[in-house]
Every structure is written in structure tokens, then in C-alpha cells.
């Protein structure tokens, strides 16, 4: 399988600054790919710093693993991801402790590390990872938000979500507490897509619109751009970030 990746981040139609950060990497032998999206919080400067620390640390920590080598043992990728996340959490907390103006900063984080067709996915917060398989879209992550808890315990119905004033309050975030990320593994096949995104995409563009925008013989760059442009056409109220992987 050969991975193709494209990523794009945009300030959106309302925000004055972009507090999202993204990055990706494909190994020289095409056996591995690493995708990362983070959506910062904590004020104009704090959110931008937190998300960049998170993405830079994950890439720094895992980059050495993306070299031609023997296959990983089953537990190794999960442990390596957790080490990277804990290091990012420590670095954000250190900045919070030494700079009072950053005392409330934190960030969401979603990581997908694909090794020989198996995706290792970890996340905190409400940035998401989606799988597109046989032209069907499936969200692989659960939002760490108060409103998601309310949906699950029956306090509200899906139609109520847009009217909940605190719908974006997170229950887990990097830098704000212990970094207990959710983790899962998903087997991929040629033709599958993985899409990582911030909530700027999910809030601005209905999921039903995504597959048509990603269909056809377009490049990964064109498909990522189509998603972001459609969000901007809908006057995206937040920063919009997308990293798209296509397995050929």
C-alpha cells in the first residue's frame, strides 16, 4: 500500500488567529505514515503555543520510529504514542507554570500512526479521526466534551446540541490535566481514507457533504482543499484543519 497525504489549516471566517496546528510524515519506504492535528485553547497566544508544542513534540518523539526496520511488536506503537503524548503534556504544563499569561492554555490532540496498513489512533478532546471505507464515512473517535456526556446519559437530544451554550467545553485536553488519551487500532485496506480534523470542520460542514467532496479522481491536496473551502463557504466560525491520508 502506498500512502498519499495532504493537510491544510485555515483561520476560518470569524477568528482573528489560527490556534490549530497540523503536521504529517511518510517513511522513506512508504510502510508508515504519521498524521497529527491539534486545536489549542487558552487565549489568543496560549492556544497557538499549546497546539504547536503538542504537534512538534509528537513529531519529534515519533520521527525516529519512521525508518525502514523490522515490523513493530504489537504493543510498541501504543507505548511510543503514550510516551510522546506524556512528553507533550509535560512541556505544555512547564510553559503554563513559568508564564502566568499562559496559565490556562491547553490543546486537543489526535494522532494516527499507520504501520503496514494498521492505524494506531490516539486522541484527547474533540478533534476527530474518520475512516472512509467503501465510500462510507465513520467517526473513529469519541468527543471528550460535556455535551457528549449529556448525549450519552440522555440529558439532551442531538437536536439540542446547537443550543447548548457550553457545548465546546472539554472533559480532557492536553496540558490541562493528566494526559490519559484514548487509543485504538484499525486495519486499513487499499482505497481507504483516514481524515483527521479539528472541530472547525465538523461544526461548519455537515458530514453528509464530505463524501461527495472527496469523491472522484482528485489528488489528496484537492480533496483536503475542497473540504476546507466548503467550510469557509459556510462561514466557518472556528479555525478549520484537515489532514487526509489516502491508501492506494
Protein backbone atom coordinates (compact mmCIF):
# COMPACT_ATOMS: atom_id res chain seq x y z
CA UNK A 1 0.00 0.00 0.00
CA UNK A 2 1.22 3.49 -0.85
CA UNK A 3 0.05 6.41 1.34
CA UNK A 4 -0.69 9.86 -0.02
CA UNK A 5 -1.19 12.68 2.49
CA UNK A 6 -2.28 16.30 2.26
CA UNK A 7 -3.03 18.77 5.01
CA UNK A 8 -4.44 22.25 5.27
CA UNK A 9 -5.29 24.66 8.06
CA UNK A 10 -7.21 27.93 7.76
CA UNK A 11 -8.13 30.64 10.26
CA UNK A 12 -11.80 30.36 9.26
CA UNK A 13 -14.31 33.13 8.72
CA UNK A 14 -14.54 34.58 12.23
CA UNK A 15 -11.38 34.06 14.28
CA UNK A 16 -8.54 36.59 14.29
CA UNK A 17 -5.83 33.95 14.78
CA UNK A 18 -5.29 30.31 13.94
CA UNK A 19 -4.79 28.19 17.07
CA UNK A 20 -4.74 24.88 15.18
CA UNK A 21 -1.53 23.06 14.30
CA UNK A 22 -1.01 20.15 11.91
CA UNK A 23 1.80 18.00 10.57
CA UNK A 24 2.41 14.69 8.80
CA UNK A 25 5.20 12.44 7.61
CA UNK A 26 5.58 9.39 5.36
CA UNK A 27 8.51 7.00 5.87
CA UNK A 28 11.01 6.56 3.07
CA UNK A 29 9.82 3.00 2.39
CA UNK A 30 6.11 4.03 2.38
CA UNK A 31 5.34 1.46 5.08
CA UNK A 32 4.49 4.08 7.71
CA UNK A 33 2.68 7.39 7.92
CA UNK A 34 2.15 9.76 10.84
CA UNK A 35 -0.64 12.37 10.97
CA UNK A 36 -1.27 14.90 13.77
CA UNK A 37 -3.88 17.61 14.40
CA UNK A 38 -4.15 19.83 17.50
CA UNK A 39 -6.64 22.59 18.34
CA UNK A 40 -5.37 24.96 21.02
CA UNK A 41 -7.25 26.80 23.73
CA UNK A 42 -6.46 29.33 26.42
CA UNK A 43 -6.43 32.76 24.90
CA UNK A 44 -5.05 34.37 21.78
CA UNK A 45 -1.45 33.34 22.32
CA UNK A 46 -1.87 30.38 24.66
CA UNK A 47 -3.86 28.18 22.31
CA UNK A 48 -1.46 28.73 19.45
CA UNK A 49 1.53 27.86 21.62
CA UNK A 50 -0.07 24.77 23.16
CA UNK A 51 -1.12 23.23 19.85
CA UNK A 52 2.30 23.85 18.29
CA UNK A 53 4.09 22.33 21.28
CA UNK A 54 1.85 19.27 21.04
CA UNK A 55 2.39 18.72 17.32
CA UNK A 56 6.13 19.45 17.40
CA UNK A 57 6.68 17.13 20.36
CA UNK A 58 4.75 14.22 18.85
CA UNK A 59 6.60 14.55 15.55
CA UNK A 60 9.96 14.86 17.31
CA UNK A 61 9.27 11.87 19.54
CA UNK A 62 7.96 9.52 16.85
CA UNK A 63 10.01 10.62 13.85
CA UNK A 64 12.86 8.25 14.73
CA UNK A 65 10.43 5.33 14.58
CA UNK A 66 9.51 6.04 10.95
CA UNK A 67 12.60 4.44 9.46
CA UNK A 68 12.85 1.24 7.42
CA UNK A 69 13.03 -1.51 10.01
CA UNK A 70 11.55 -4.81 11.07
CA UNK A 71 7.83 -4.83 11.90
CA UNK A 72 6.88 -3.47 15.32
CA UNK A 73 5.77 -5.73 18.10
CA UNK A 74 2.05 -5.23 18.79
CA UNK A 75 2.49 -3.22 21.99
CA UNK A 76 5.30 -0.95 20.83
CA UNK A 77 3.37 1.67 18.81
CA UNK A 78 0.86 2.26 21.62
CA UNK A 79 3.64 2.70 24.16
CA UNK A 80 5.59 5.04 21.85
CA UNK A 81 2.47 7.16 21.28
CA UNK A 82 1.75 7.38 25.01
CA UNK A 83 5.36 8.44 25.69
CA UNK A 84 5.07 11.17 23.05
CA UNK A 85 1.75 12.41 24.45
CA UNK A 86 3.07 12.47 28.02
CA UNK A 87 6.13 14.44 26.92
CA UNK A 88 3.95 16.97 25.11
CA UNK A 89 1.76 17.27 28.20
CA UNK A 90 4.80 17.91 30.38
CA UNK A 91 6.14 20.59 28.06
CA UNK A 92 2.81 22.41 27.96
CA UNK A 93 2.48 22.26 31.73
CA UNK A 94 6.02 23.61 32.15
CA UNK A 95 5.16 26.64 30.00
CA UNK A 96 1.93 27.15 31.95
CA UNK A 97 3.84 27.11 35.23
CA UNK A 98 6.53 29.59 34.18
CA UNK A 99 4.44 32.10 32.20
CA UNK A 100 1.32 33.33 34.06
CA UNK A 101 -0.29 34.64 30.87
CA UNK A 102 -0.32 31.05 29.57
CA UNK A 103 -1.74 29.51 32.74
CA UNK A 104 -4.95 28.35 31.05
CA UNK A 105 -3.54 27.04 27.81
CA UNK A 106 -4.14 23.52 26.54
CA UNK A 107 -4.98 21.70 23.36
CA UNK A 108 -6.86 18.85 21.80
CA UNK A 109 -4.77 16.23 20.05
CA UNK A 110 -5.48 13.46 17.56
CA UNK A 111 -2.77 11.18 16.18
CA UNK A 112 -2.92 8.48 13.52
CA UNK A 113 0.19 6.36 13.02
CA UNK A 114 -0.20 3.87 10.17
CA UNK A 115 2.19 0.91 10.11
CA UNK A 116 1.87 -1.68 7.34
CA UNK A 117 -1.83 -0.94 6.89
CA UNK A 118 -2.73 -0.83 10.58
CA UNK A 119 -3.70 2.55 12.04
CA UNK A 120 -2.84 3.32 15.66
CA UNK A 121 -5.11 6.17 16.75
CA UNK A 122 -4.95 8.23 19.95
CA UNK A 123 -6.81 11.37 20.94
CA UNK A 124 -7.83 13.81 23.65
CA UNK A 125 -10.51 16.46 23.21
CA UNK A 126 -12.86 16.97 20.28
CA UNK A 127 -10.55 16.84 17.29
CA UNK A 128 -11.56 13.71 15.39
CA UNK A 129 -10.36 10.87 13.21
CA UNK A 130 -12.65 9.49 10.50
CA UNK A 131 -12.37 6.40 8.33
CA UNK A 132 -13.72 6.36 4.79
CA UNK A 133 -14.20 2.75 3.69
CA UNK A 134 -16.09 1.74 0.55
CA UNK A 135 -17.48 5.25 0.24
CA UNK A 136 -18.88 5.27 3.79
CA UNK A 137 -17.77 7.71 6.49
CA UNK A 138 -17.29 6.53 10.09
CA UNK A 139 -16.03 8.55 13.04
CA UNK A 140 -13.45 6.54 14.98
CA UNK A 141 -13.11 8.86 17.97
CA UNK A 142 -15.44 9.97 20.76
CA UNK A 143 -15.53 13.68 21.66
CA UNK A 144 -14.23 14.39 25.15
CA UNK A 145 -16.84 17.06 25.86
CA UNK A 146 -19.52 17.81 28.42
CA UNK A 147 -22.16 17.82 25.68
CA UNK A 148 -21.14 14.32 24.53
CA UNK A 149 -21.58 13.07 28.09
CA UNK A 150 -25.03 14.66 28.16
CA UNK A 151 -25.99 13.00 24.89
CA UNK A 152 -24.92 9.63 26.19
CA UNK A 153 -26.75 9.91 29.51
CA UNK A 154 -29.92 11.16 27.80
CA UNK A 155 -29.88 14.67 29.29
CA UNK A 156 -30.20 16.16 25.80
CA UNK A 157 -31.07 15.00 22.30
CA UNK A 158 -28.94 15.56 19.17
CA UNK A 159 -31.22 18.40 18.04
CA UNK A 160 -30.44 20.21 21.31
CA UNK A 161 -26.67 20.33 20.78
CA UNK A 162 -26.51 23.62 18.80
CA UNK A 163 -28.42 25.35 21.60
CA UNK A 164 -26.21 24.19 24.49
CA UNK A 165 -24.10 27.24 25.47
CA UNK A 166 -21.19 25.17 26.83
CA UNK A 167 -21.18 22.56 24.06
CA UNK A 168 -17.46 23.02 23.38
CA UNK A 169 -16.28 22.58 26.99
CA UNK A 170 -13.76 19.73 27.04
CA UNK A 171 -13.54 16.98 29.64
CA UNK A 172 -10.00 16.04 28.57
CA UNK A 173 -7.27 18.11 26.98
CA UNK A 174 -3.51 18.07 26.71
CA UNK A 175 -1.83 20.34 29.24
CA UNK A 176 -4.88 20.77 31.44
CA UNK A 177 -4.58 17.50 33.36
CA UNK A 178 -3.05 14.04 33.19
CA UNK A 179 -2.72 13.01 29.57
CA UNK A 180 -4.92 9.89 29.51
CA UNK A 181 -5.53 9.54 25.78
CA UNK A 182 -7.96 7.12 24.17
CA UNK A 183 -6.27 4.54 21.94
CA UNK A 184 -7.41 2.07 19.32
CA UNK A 185 -6.14 0.09 16.33
CA UNK A 186 -7.91 -0.14 12.97
CA UNK A 187 -6.96 -2.30 9.98
CA UNK A 188 -6.94 -0.44 6.66
CA UNK A 189 -7.11 -1.71 3.08
CA UNK A 190 -6.20 -0.07 -0.24
CA UNK A 191 -8.77 2.57 -1.12
CA UNK A 192 -9.38 3.59 2.49
CA UNK A 193 -9.02 7.18 3.69
CA UNK A 194 -8.15 8.48 7.16
CA UNK A 195 -9.25 12.04 7.87
CA UNK A 196 -8.05 13.96 10.91
CA UNK A 197 -9.74 17.29 11.60
CA UNK A 198 -10.40 19.98 14.17
CA UNK A 199 -13.93 20.91 15.21
CA UNK A 200 -13.84 23.83 12.81
CA UNK A 201 -14.65 21.35 10.06
CA UNK A 202 -17.25 19.34 11.94
CA UNK A 203 -19.12 22.43 13.14
CA UNK A 204 -19.17 24.16 9.77
CA UNK A 205 -19.79 21.31 7.33
CA UNK A 206 -22.38 18.51 7.72
CA UNK A 207 -20.82 15.06 7.47
CA UNK A 208 -23.26 14.18 4.68
CA UNK A 209 -21.40 16.65 2.45
CA UNK A 210 -17.95 15.14 2.95
CA UNK A 211 -18.02 12.06 0.71
CA UNK A 212 -19.11 13.97 -2.42
CA UNK A 213 -16.30 16.47 -1.85
CA UNK A 214 -13.74 13.68 -1.58
CA UNK A 215 -15.02 11.58 -4.47
CA UNK A 216 -13.57 11.33 -7.94
CA UNK A 217 -10.02 11.23 -9.34
CA UNK A 218 -8.74 14.24 -7.45
CA UNK A 219 -5.44 14.46 -5.61
CA UNK A 220 -5.26 14.32 -1.84
CA UNK A 221 -4.46 18.04 -1.88
CA UNK A 222 -7.56 18.82 -3.94
CA UNK A 223 -9.79 16.77 -1.65
CA UNK A 224 -8.44 18.40 1.50
CA UNK A 225 -8.86 21.83 -0.07
CA UNK A 226 -12.44 21.01 -1.12
CA UNK A 227 -13.38 20.22 2.50
CA UNK A 228 -11.81 23.41 3.83
CA UNK A 229 -13.27 25.59 1.08
CA UNK A 230 -16.76 24.22 1.70
CA UNK A 231 -16.36 25.03 5.40
CA UNK A 232 -15.32 28.57 4.54
CA UNK A 233 -18.30 28.89 2.19
CA UNK A 234 -20.43 28.05 5.24
CA UNK A 235 -18.66 30.84 7.18
CA UNK A 236 -16.74 28.50 9.50
CA UNK A 237 -16.88 30.05 12.99
CA UNK A 238 -13.60 28.46 14.07
CA UNK A 239 -10.21 27.52 12.65
CA UNK A 240 -10.52 24.66 10.16
CA UNK A 241 -7.84 21.97 9.89
CA UNK A 242 -7.72 18.78 7.84
CA UNK A 243 -5.07 16.12 7.32
CA UNK A 244 -6.14 13.49 4.80
CA UNK A 245 -4.44 10.15 4.13
CA UNK A 246 -5.37 8.04 1.09
CA UNK A 247 -4.07 4.47 0.78
CA UNK A 248 -3.53 3.32 -2.79
